[in-house]
């Protein structure tokens, strides 16, 4: 082989090796699997506001189990998050407080696989500590002078509230409609309303400030919480690993402690 041909062959080999190296580096930077099977990079999780406390802890535990991984949480109403995803917001995982909002994502072909239910949640009536209005059930919310906060109808906690109120045959006009469950809870904590229909888990997390009053009609409005990795996830390996972790025994124990009904 001539010196010129040897030089050309060597140049091709170097180029191939460089491209291979770049691909591996790109995979690691974006969170792809490394040679030893570990994940890396940032996992961006869009999660319903009612998952704030639980997912904050689960994210910390996931990071501890996967050194080099950082979980970034975007916590808001499920309907708002679903719209952000379908409009192209960069996210790896979506955890919704209701199947309806998850359907917005799957119908837009933005899900990587089939969403899986990982928990369920139920409503309570949140009242200030001491329950000054003596609220014992849904009928009390319709009494004159009782100011009530609800979530907006397009938000899972709002849809569940409407289902429960309809089941009880109770009509009421809330003084405010909030965009997520944390907003409704805040109105009670600030003393701006006398009661709010929120999730049991949120009332438990705020138990120093509010009391959760159980009511039988809540069994008619139990919300399933589905989770899925996203098709355009910047960190696909990290997304799948996080979804699997949420359904693990460790994460399910965290959810159960928070008051969620966990799935087998």
C-alpha atoms as a PDB file:
ATOM      1  CA  UNK A   1       0.000   0.000   0.000  1.00  0.00           C
ATOM      2  CA  UNK A   2       1.315   3.428  -0.937  1.00  0.00           C
ATOM      3  CA  UNK A   3       2.107   6.000   1.736  1.00  0.00           C
ATOM      4  CA  UNK A   4      -0.821   8.117   0.477  1.00  0.00           C
ATOM      5  CA  UNK A   5      -3.299   5.211   0.814  1.00  0.00           C
ATOM      6  CA  UNK A   6      -2.004   4.348   4.291  1.00  0.00           C
ATOM      7  CA  UNK A   7      -2.502   7.947   5.350  1.00  0.00           C
ATOM      8  CA  UNK A   8      -6.083   7.997   3.969  1.00  0.00           C
ATOM      9  CA  UNK A   9      -6.978   4.744   5.740  1.00  0.00           C
ATOM     10  CA  UNK A  10      -5.566   6.064   9.007  1.00  0.00           C
ATOM     11  CA  UNK A  11      -7.590   9.274   8.638  1.00  0.00           C
ATOM     12  CA  UNK A  12     -10.802   7.304   8.116  1.00  0.00           C
ATOM     13  CA  UNK A  13     -10.105   5.171  11.201  1.00  0.00           C
ATOM     14  CA  UNK A  14      -9.446   8.231  13.348  1.00  0.00           C
ATOM     15  CA  UNK A  15     -12.664   9.860  12.109  1.00  0.00           C
ATOM     16  CA  UNK A  16     -14.738   6.767  12.944  1.00  0.00           C
ATOM     17  CA  UNK A  17     -13.243   6.545  16.411  1.00  0.00           C
ATOM     18  CA  UNK A  18     -13.873  10.237  16.995  1.00  0.00           C
ATOM     19  CA  UNK A  19     -17.498   9.910  15.920  1.00  0.00           C
ATOM     20  CA  UNK A  20     -17.995   6.892  18.154  1.00  0.00           C
ATOM     21  CA  UNK A  21     -16.485   8.749  21.056  1.00  0.00           C
ATOM     22  CA  UNK A  22     -18.739  11.737  20.400  1.00  0.00           C
ATOM     23  CA  UNK A  23     -21.814   9.512  20.364  1.00  0.00           C
ATOM     24  CA  UNK A  24     -20.902   8.000  23.729  1.00  0.00           C
ATOM     25  CA  UNK A  25     -20.220  11.374  25.203  1.00  0.00           C
ATOM     26  CA  UNK A  26     -23.553  12.659  23.892  1.00  0.00           C
ATOM     27  CA  UNK A  27     -25.408   9.695  25.393  1.00  0.00           C
ATOM     28  CA  UNK A  28     -23.862  10.269  28.804  1.00  0.00           C
ATOM     29  CA  UNK A  29     -24.500  13.990  28.736  1.00  0.00           C
ATOM     30  CA  UNK A  30     -28.143  13.501  27.827  1.00  0.00           C
ATOM     31  CA  UNK A  31     -28.605  10.809  30.430  1.00  0.00           C
ATOM     32  CA  UNK A  32     -28.192   7.757  28.245  1.00  0.00           C
ATOM     33  CA  UNK A  33     -26.927   4.469  29.591  1.00  0.00           C
ATOM     34  CA  UNK A  34     -23.228   4.422  30.386  1.00  0.00           C
ATOM     35  CA  UNK A  35     -21.047   1.371  29.762  1.00  0.00           C
ATOM     36  CA  UNK A  36     -21.790  -0.091  33.193  1.00  0.00           C
ATOM     37  CA  UNK A  37     -25.562   0.409  32.822  1.00  0.00           C
ATOM     38  CA  UNK A  38     -25.872   3.442  35.060  1.00  0.00           C
ATOM     39  CA  UNK A  39     -27.883   6.526  34.103  1.00  0.00           C
ATOM     40  CA  UNK A  40     -26.622  10.087  34.257  1.00  0.00           C
ATOM     41  CA  UNK A  41     -27.658  13.682  33.753  1.00  0.00           C
ATOM     42  CA  UNK A  42     -30.876  15.504  34.624  1.00  0.00           C
ATOM     43  CA  UNK A  43     -34.332  13.923  34.708  1.00  0.00           C
ATOM     44  CA  UNK A  44     -37.076  16.530  34.332  1.00  0.00           C
ATOM     45  CA  UNK A  45     -40.350  15.408  35.876  1.00  0.00           C
ATOM     46  CA  UNK A  46     -43.647  17.212  35.294  1.00  0.00           C
ATOM     47  CA  UNK A  47     -45.893  16.199  38.217  1.00  0.00           C
ATOM     48  CA  UNK A  48     -49.283  17.151  39.627  1.00  0.00           C
ATOM     49  CA  UNK A  49     -49.165  19.693  42.456  1.00  0.00           C
ATOM     50  CA  UNK A  50     -50.673  17.154  44.851  1.00  0.00           C
ATOM     51  CA  UNK A  51     -47.491  15.094  44.466  1.00  0.00           C
ATOM     52  CA  UNK A  52     -45.261  17.904  45.749  1.00  0.00           C
ATOM     53  CA  UNK A  53     -44.268  16.438  49.098  1.00  0.00           C
ATOM     54  CA  UNK A  54     -44.108  12.810  47.966  1.00  0.00           C
ATOM     55  CA  UNK A  55     -42.200  13.420  44.737  1.00  0.00           C
ATOM     56  CA  UNK A  56     -39.762  15.766  46.452  1.00  0.00           C
ATOM     57  CA  UNK A  57     -38.790  12.885  48.725  1.00  0.00           C
ATOM     58  CA  UNK A  58     -38.919  10.274  45.952  1.00  0.00           C
ATOM     59  CA  UNK A  59     -36.699  12.465  43.755  1.00  0.00           C
ATOM     60  CA  UNK A  60     -34.151  12.770  46.578  1.00  0.00           C
ATOM     61  CA  UNK A  61     -34.158   8.996  47.106  1.00  0.00           C
ATOM     62  CA  UNK A  62     -33.824   8.379  43.357  1.00  0.00           C
ATOM     63  CA  UNK A  63     -30.812  10.690  43.208  1.00  0.00           C
ATOM     64  CA  UNK A  64     -29.233   8.864  46.160  1.00  0.00           C
ATOM     65  CA  UNK A  65     -29.723   5.536  44.375  1.00  0.00           C
ATOM     66  CA  UNK A  66     -28.255   6.934  41.141  1.00  0.00           C
ATOM     67  CA  UNK A  67     -25.163   9.055  41.855  1.00  0.00           C
ATOM     68  CA  UNK A  68     -24.640  11.677  39.174  1.00  0.00           C
ATOM     69  CA  UNK A  69     -28.363  12.044  38.448  1.00  0.00           C
ATOM     70  CA  UNK A  70     -30.329  15.204  39.231  1.00  0.00           C
ATOM     71  CA  UNK A  71     -34.140  15.265  39.271  1.00  0.00           C
ATOM     72  CA  UNK A  72     -35.824  18.556  38.414  1.00  0.00           C
ATOM     73  CA  UNK A  73     -39.500  18.808  39.372  1.00  0.00           C
ATOM     74  CA  UNK A  74     -42.067  20.999  37.629  1.00  0.00           C
ATOM     75  CA  UNK A  75     -45.112  20.899  39.925  1.00  0.00           C
ATOM     76  CA  UNK A  76     -48.442  22.396  38.830  1.00  0.00           C
ATOM     77  CA  UNK A  77     -51.996  21.524  37.869  1.00  0.00           C
ATOM     78  CA  UNK A  78     -52.154  18.443  35.652  1.00  0.00           C
ATOM     79  CA  UNK A  79     -54.065  20.229  32.902  1.00  0.00           C
ATOM     80  CA  UNK A  80     -51.458  22.992  32.676  1.00  0.00           C
ATOM     81  CA  UNK A  81     -48.613  20.471  32.612  1.00  0.00           C
ATOM     82  CA  UNK A  82     -50.274  18.393  29.895  1.00  0.00           C
ATOM     83  CA  UNK A  83     -50.679  21.505  27.752  1.00  0.00           C
ATOM     84  CA  UNK A  84     -47.028  22.458  28.283  1.00  0.00           C
ATOM     85  CA  UNK A  85     -45.913  19.000  27.156  1.00  0.00           C
ATOM     86  CA  UNK A  86     -48.048  18.977  24.017  1.00  0.00           C
ATOM     87  CA  UNK A  87     -46.721  22.443  23.176  1.00  0.00           C
ATOM     88  CA  UNK A  88     -43.154  21.153  23.233  1.00  0.00           C
ATOM     89  CA  UNK A  89     -41.873  21.886  26.724  1.00  0.00           C
ATOM     90  CA  UNK A  90     -38.778  19.715  27.370  1.00  0.00           C
ATOM     91  CA  UNK A  91     -39.705  17.036  29.885  1.00  0.00           C
ATOM     92  CA  UNK A  92     -38.775  13.422  30.548  1.00  0.00           C
ATOM     93  CA  UNK A  93     -41.676  12.185  32.695  1.00  0.00           C
ATOM     94  CA  UNK A  94     -45.316  13.160  33.263  1.00  0.00           C
ATOM     95  CA  UNK A  95     -47.200  12.163  36.422  1.00  0.00           C
ATOM     96  CA  UNK A  96     -50.837  13.248  36.279  1.00  0.00           C
ATOM     97  CA  UNK A  97     -53.504  13.416  38.990  1.00  0.00           C
ATOM     98  CA  UNK A  98     -56.110  12.017  36.587  1.00  0.00           C
ATOM     99  CA  UNK A  99     -56.314   9.883  33.427  1.00  0.00           C
ATOM    100  CA  UNK A 100     -58.121  12.675  31.530  1.00  0.00           C
ATOM    101  CA  UNK A 101     -55.087  14.942  31.586  1.00  0.00           C
ATOM    102  CA  UNK A 102     -52.793  12.065  30.737  1.00  0.00           C
ATOM    103  CA  UNK A 103     -55.017  11.386  27.714  1.00  0.00           C
ATOM    104  CA  UNK A 104     -54.164  14.882  26.437  1.00  0.00           C
ATOM    105  CA  UNK A 105     -50.542  13.738  26.241  1.00  0.00           C
ATOM    106  CA  UNK A 106     -51.124  10.245  24.854  1.00  0.00           C
ATOM    107  CA  UNK A 107     -53.547  11.450  22.192  1.00  0.00           C
ATOM    108  CA  UNK A 108     -50.887  13.907  21.027  1.00  0.00           C
ATOM    109  CA  UNK A 109     -48.510  10.925  20.653  1.00  0.00           C
ATOM    110  CA  UNK A 110     -46.176  12.393  23.277  1.00  0.00           C
ATOM    111  CA  UNK A 111     -46.003   9.315  25.525  1.00  0.00           C
ATOM    112  CA  UNK A 112     -43.285   6.672  25.370  1.00  0.00           C
ATOM    113  CA  UNK A 113     -45.357   3.581  26.037  1.00  0.00           C
ATOM    114  CA  UNK A 114     -48.544   3.055  28.017  1.00  0.00           C
ATOM    115  CA  UNK A 115     -49.162   5.158  31.159  1.00  0.00           C
ATOM    116  CA  UNK A 116     -49.276   3.138  34.379  1.00  0.00           C
ATOM    117  CA  UNK A 117     -51.341   3.957  37.459  1.00  0.00           C
ATOM    118  CA  UNK A 118     -49.032   4.225  40.471  1.00  0.00           C
ATOM    119  CA  UNK A 119     -51.367   5.672  43.144  1.00  0.00           C
ATOM    120  CA  UNK A 120     -54.898   6.848  43.922  1.00  0.00           C
ATOM    121  CA  UNK A 121     -56.149   9.812  45.907  1.00  0.00           C
ATOM    122  CA  UNK A 122     -59.392  10.835  47.573  1.00  0.00           C
ATOM    123  CA  UNK A 123     -60.958  14.142  48.588  1.00  0.00           C
ATOM    124  CA  UNK A 124     -61.546  15.564  52.059  1.00  0.00           C
ATOM    125  CA  UNK A 125     -63.005  18.861  53.232  1.00  0.00           C
ATOM    126  CA  UNK A 126     -60.162  21.008  54.497  1.00  0.00           C
ATOM    127  CA  UNK A 127     -61.121  23.402  57.293  1.00  0.00           C
ATOM    128  CA  UNK A 128     -59.010  25.615  59.560  1.00  0.00           C
ATOM    129  CA  UNK A 129     -57.711  23.999  62.731  1.00  0.00           C
ATOM    130  CA  UNK A 130     -60.506  23.865  65.267  1.00  0.00           C
ATOM    131  CA  UNK A 131     -63.139  23.742  62.496  1.00  0.00           C
ATOM    132  CA  UNK A 132     -64.749  27.057  63.524  1.00  0.00           C
ATOM    133  CA  UNK A 133     -67.747  26.627  61.181  1.00  0.00           C
ATOM    134  CA  UNK A 134     -68.462  23.123  62.456  1.00  0.00           C
ATOM    135  CA  UNK A 135     -68.279  21.511  59.021  1.00  0.00           C
ATOM    136  CA  UNK A 136     -69.052  17.786  59.182  1.00  0.00           C
ATOM    137  CA  UNK A 137     -70.074  16.992  55.590  1.00  0.00           C
ATOM    138  CA  UNK A 138     -70.727  18.341  52.119  1.00  0.00           C
ATOM    139  CA  UNK A 139     -74.162  19.705  53.048  1.00  0.00           C
ATOM    140  CA  UNK A 140     -72.515  22.149  55.450  1.00  0.00           C
ATOM    141  CA  UNK A 141     -70.622  23.753  52.570  1.00  0.00           C
ATOM    142  CA  UNK A 142     -73.928  25.047  51.154  1.00  0.00           C
ATOM    143  CA  UNK A 143     -74.910  26.805  54.372  1.00  0.00           C
ATOM    144  CA  UNK A 144     -75.253  30.616  54.185  1.00  0.00           C
ATOM    145  CA  UNK A 145     -72.071  32.369  55.203  1.00  0.00           C
ATOM    146  CA  UNK A 146     -69.735  29.435  54.546  1.00  0.00           C
ATOM    147  CA  UNK A 147     -67.069  30.487  52.046  1.00  0.00           C
ATOM    148  CA  UNK A 148     -65.705  27.608  49.966  1.00  0.00           C
ATOM    149  CA  UNK A 149     -62.741  27.220  47.619  1.00  0.00           C
ATOM    150  CA  UNK A 150     -62.711  24.632  44.852  1.00  0.00           C
ATOM    151  CA  UNK A 151     -60.232  23.746  42.168  1.00  0.00           C
ATOM    152  CA  UNK A 152     -61.218  24.746  38.638  1.00  0.00           C
ATOM    153  CA  UNK A 153     -63.204  22.105  36.772  1.00  0.00           C
ATOM    154  CA  UNK A 154     -60.407  21.328  34.290  1.00  0.00           C
ATOM    155  CA  UNK A 155     -58.063  20.474  37.171  1.00  0.00           C
ATOM    156  CA  UNK A 156     -58.357  16.898  38.514  1.00  0.00           C
ATOM    157  CA  UNK A 157     -59.233  17.995  42.068  1.00  0.00           C
ATOM    158  CA  UNK A 158     -61.940  20.270  40.621  1.00  0.00           C
ATOM    159  CA  UNK A 159     -63.423  17.530  38.469  1.00  0.00           C
ATOM    160  CA  UNK A 160     -63.425  15.183  41.468  1.00  0.00           C
ATOM    161  CA  UNK A 161     -65.110  17.830  43.629  1.00  0.00           C
ATOM    162  CA  UNK A 162     -67.881  18.299  41.077  1.00  0.00           C
ATOM    163  CA  UNK A 163     -68.403  14.541  40.903  1.00  0.00           C
ATOM    164  CA  UNK A 164     -68.683  14.315  44.699  1.00  0.00           C
ATOM    165  CA  UNK A 165     -71.035  17.306  44.949  1.00  0.00           C
ATOM    166  CA  UNK A 166     -73.255  15.910  42.211  1.00  0.00           C
ATOM    167  CA  UNK A 167     -73.314  12.528  43.953  1.00  0.00           C
ATOM    168  CA  UNK A 168     -74.509  14.262  47.124  1.00  0.00           C
ATOM    169  CA  UNK A 169     -77.024  16.394  45.229  1.00  0.00           C
ATOM    170  CA  UNK A 170     -75.458  19.594  46.551  1.00  0.00           C
ATOM    171  CA  UNK A 171     -75.171  22.820  44.597  1.00  0.00           C
ATOM    172  CA  UNK A 172     -72.872  25.539  45.829  1.00  0.00           C
ATOM    173  CA  UNK A 173     -71.094  28.561  44.439  1.00  0.00           C
ATOM    174  CA  UNK A 174     -67.455  28.745  45.503  1.00  0.00           C
ATOM    175  CA  UNK A 175     -65.910  32.134  46.220  1.00  0.00           C
ATOM    176  CA  UNK A 176     -62.809  31.108  44.258  1.00  0.00           C
ATOM    177  CA  UNK A 177     -61.722  28.527  41.675  1.00  0.00           C
ATOM    178  CA  UNK A 178     -58.041  27.664  41.950  1.00  0.00           C
ATOM    179  CA  UNK A 179     -55.730  26.299  39.255  1.00  0.00           C
ATOM    180  CA  UNK A 180     -54.311  23.537  41.458  1.00  0.00           C
ATOM    181  CA  UNK A 181     -54.958  21.895  44.804  1.00  0.00           C
ATOM    182  CA  UNK A 182     -52.216  23.856  46.562  1.00  0.00           C
ATOM    183  CA  UNK A 183     -54.022  27.070  45.643  1.00  0.00           C
ATOM    184  CA  UNK A 184     -57.265  25.853  47.232  1.00  0.00           C
ATOM    185  CA  UNK A 185     -55.380  24.715  50.333  1.00  0.00           C
ATOM    186  CA  UNK A 186     -53.646  28.092  50.633  1.00  0.00           C
ATOM    187  CA  UNK A 187     -57.017  29.859  50.801  1.00  0.00           C
ATOM    188  CA  UNK A 188     -57.899  27.828  53.904  1.00  0.00           C
ATOM    189  CA  UNK A 189     -54.503  28.330  55.523  1.00  0.00           C
ATOM    190  CA  UNK A 190     -54.722  32.089  54.973  1.00  0.00           C
ATOM    191  CA  UNK A 191     -58.231  32.252  56.422  1.00  0.00           C
ATOM    192  CA  UNK A 192     -59.712  33.539  53.171  1.00  0.00           C
ATOM    193  CA  UNK A 193     -62.260  30.701  53.039  1.00  0.00           C
ATOM    194  CA  UNK A 194     -63.954  28.481  55.611  1.00  0.00           C
ATOM    195  CA  UNK A 195     -63.435  25.241  53.700  1.00  0.00           C
ATOM    196  CA  UNK A 196     -62.011  23.728  50.524  1.00  0.00           C
ATOM    197  CA  UNK A 197     -62.316  20.405  48.778  1.00  0.00           C
ATOM    198  CA  UNK A 198     -58.776  19.078  48.442  1.00  0.00           C
ATOM    199  CA  UNK A 199     -56.972  15.749  48.442  1.00  0.00           C
ATOM    200  CA  UNK A 200     -56.523  13.785  51.620  1.00  0.00           C
ATOM    201  CA  UNK A 201     -52.763  13.800  51.066  1.00  0.00           C
ATOM    202  CA  UNK A 202     -52.584  17.605  50.935  1.00  0.00           C
ATOM    203  CA  UNK A 203     -54.632  17.938  54.110  1.00  0.00           C
ATOM    204  CA  UNK A 204     -52.317  15.488  55.848  1.00  0.00           C
ATOM    205  CA  UNK A 205     -49.224  17.391  54.711  1.00  0.00           C
ATOM    206  CA  UNK A 206     -50.710  20.619  56.128  1.00  0.00           C
ATOM    207  CA  UNK A 207     -52.105  19.073  59.309  1.00  0.00           C
ATOM    208  CA  UNK A 208     -50.566  21.754  61.553  1.00  0.00           C
ATOM    209  CA  UNK A 209     -52.760  24.369  59.864  1.00  0.00           C
ATOM    210  CA  UNK A 210     -55.853  22.538  58.625  1.00  0.00           C
ATOM    211  CA  UNK A 211     -58.070  19.595  59.505  1.00  0.00           C
ATOM    212  CA  UNK A 212     -59.311  17.134  56.912  1.00  0.00           C
ATOM    213  CA  UNK A 213     -62.971  16.203  57.301  1.00  0.00           C
ATOM    214  CA  UNK A 214     -63.822  12.891  55.643  1.00  0.00           C
ATOM    215  CA  UNK A 215     -67.143  12.524  53.802  1.00  0.00           C
ATOM    216  CA  UNK A 216     -68.721   9.393  52.263  1.00  0.00           C
ATOM    217  CA  UNK A 217     -69.292  10.832  48.781  1.00  0.00           C
ATOM    218  CA  UNK A 218     -65.522  11.027  48.268  1.00  0.00           C
ATOM    219  CA  UNK A 219     -65.545   7.328  47.411  1.00  0.00           C
ATOM    220  CA  UNK A 220     -67.415   8.276  44.229  1.00  0.00           C
ATOM    221  CA  UNK A 221     -64.569  10.507  43.091  1.00  0.00           C
ATOM    222  CA  UNK A 222     -61.308   8.626  43.623  1.00  0.00           C
ATOM    223  CA  UNK A 223     -58.592   9.788  41.226  1.00  0.00           C
ATOM    224  CA  UNK A 224     -56.139   7.438  39.530  1.00  0.00           C
ATOM    225  CA  UNK A 225     -52.610   8.833  39.133  1.00  0.00           C
ATOM    226  CA  UNK A 226     -50.892   7.624  35.923  1.00  0.00           C
ATOM    227  CA  UNK A 227     -47.228   8.124  35.040  1.00  0.00           C
ATOM    228  CA  UNK A 228     -45.336   7.776  31.767  1.00  0.00           C
ATOM    229  CA  UNK A 229     -41.976   8.506  30.188  1.00  0.00           C
ATOM    230  CA  UNK A 230     -42.268  10.966  27.319  1.00  0.00           C
ATOM    231  CA  UNK A 231     -41.517  10.199  23.688  1.00  0.00           C
ATOM    232  CA  UNK A 232     -39.301  13.250  23.191  1.00  0.00           C
ATOM    233  CA  UNK A 233     -37.567  12.938  26.550  1.00  0.00           C
ATOM    234  CA  UNK A 234     -34.092  14.520  26.455  1.00  0.00           C
ATOM    235  CA  UNK A 235     -33.033  11.824  28.942  1.00  0.00           C
ATOM    236  CA  UNK A 236     -34.865   8.717  27.786  1.00  0.00           C
ATOM    237  CA  UNK A 237     -32.934   6.256  29.949  1.00  0.00           C
ATOM    238  CA  UNK A 238     -33.395   8.449  33.014  1.00  0.00           C
ATOM    239  CA  UNK A 239     -37.109   8.843  32.275  1.00  0.00           C
ATOM    240  CA  UNK A 240     -37.708   5.107  32.110  1.00  0.00           C
ATOM    241  CA  UNK A 241     -35.649   4.527  35.249  1.00  0.00           C
ATOM    242  CA  UNK A 242     -37.614   7.156  37.191  1.00  0.00           C
ATOM    243  CA  UNK A 243     -40.969   5.694  36.133  1.00  0.00           C
ATOM    244  CA  UNK A 244     -39.808   2.251  37.245  1.00  0.00           C
ATOM    245  CA  UNK A 245     -38.604   3.682  40.562  1.00  0.00           C
ATOM    246  CA  UNK A 246     -41.950   5.369  41.291  1.00  0.00           C
ATOM    247  CA  UNK A 247     -43.575   1.952  41.062  1.00  0.00           C
ATOM    248  CA  UNK A 248     -40.949   0.309  43.276  1.00  0.00           C
ATOM    249  CA  UNK A 249     -41.625  -0.777  46.862  1.00  0.00           C
ATOM    250  CA  UNK A 250     -39.521   2.081  48.246  1.00  0.00           C
ATOM    251  CA  UNK A 251     -41.417   4.814  46.399  1.00  0.00           C
ATOM    252  CA  UNK A 252     -44.774   3.172  47.032  1.00  0.00           C
ATOM    253  CA  UNK A 253     -44.027   3.238  50.765  1.00  0.00           C
ATOM    254  CA  UNK A 254     -43.410   6.995  50.552  1.00  0.00           C
ATOM    255  CA  UNK A 255     -46.721   7.484  48.760  1.00  0.00           C
ATOM    256  CA  UNK A 256     -48.608   5.326  51.273  1.00  0.00           C
ATOM    257  CA  UNK A 257     -47.128   7.297  54.163  1.00  0.00           C
ATOM    258  CA  UNK A 258     -48.401  10.482  52.544  1.00  0.00           C
ATOM    259  CA  UNK A 259     -51.944   9.071  52.424  1.00  0.00           C
ATOM    260  CA  UNK A 260     -52.147   7.827  48.848  1.00  0.00           C
ATOM    261  CA  UNK A 261     -53.787   4.533  48.039  1.00  0.00           C
ATOM    262  CA  UNK A 262     -50.933   2.660  46.408  1.00  0.00           C
ATOM    263  CA  UNK A 263     -51.193   0.111  43.629  1.00  0.00           C
ATOM    264  CA  UNK A 264     -50.072  -3.520  43.954  1.00  0.00           C
END
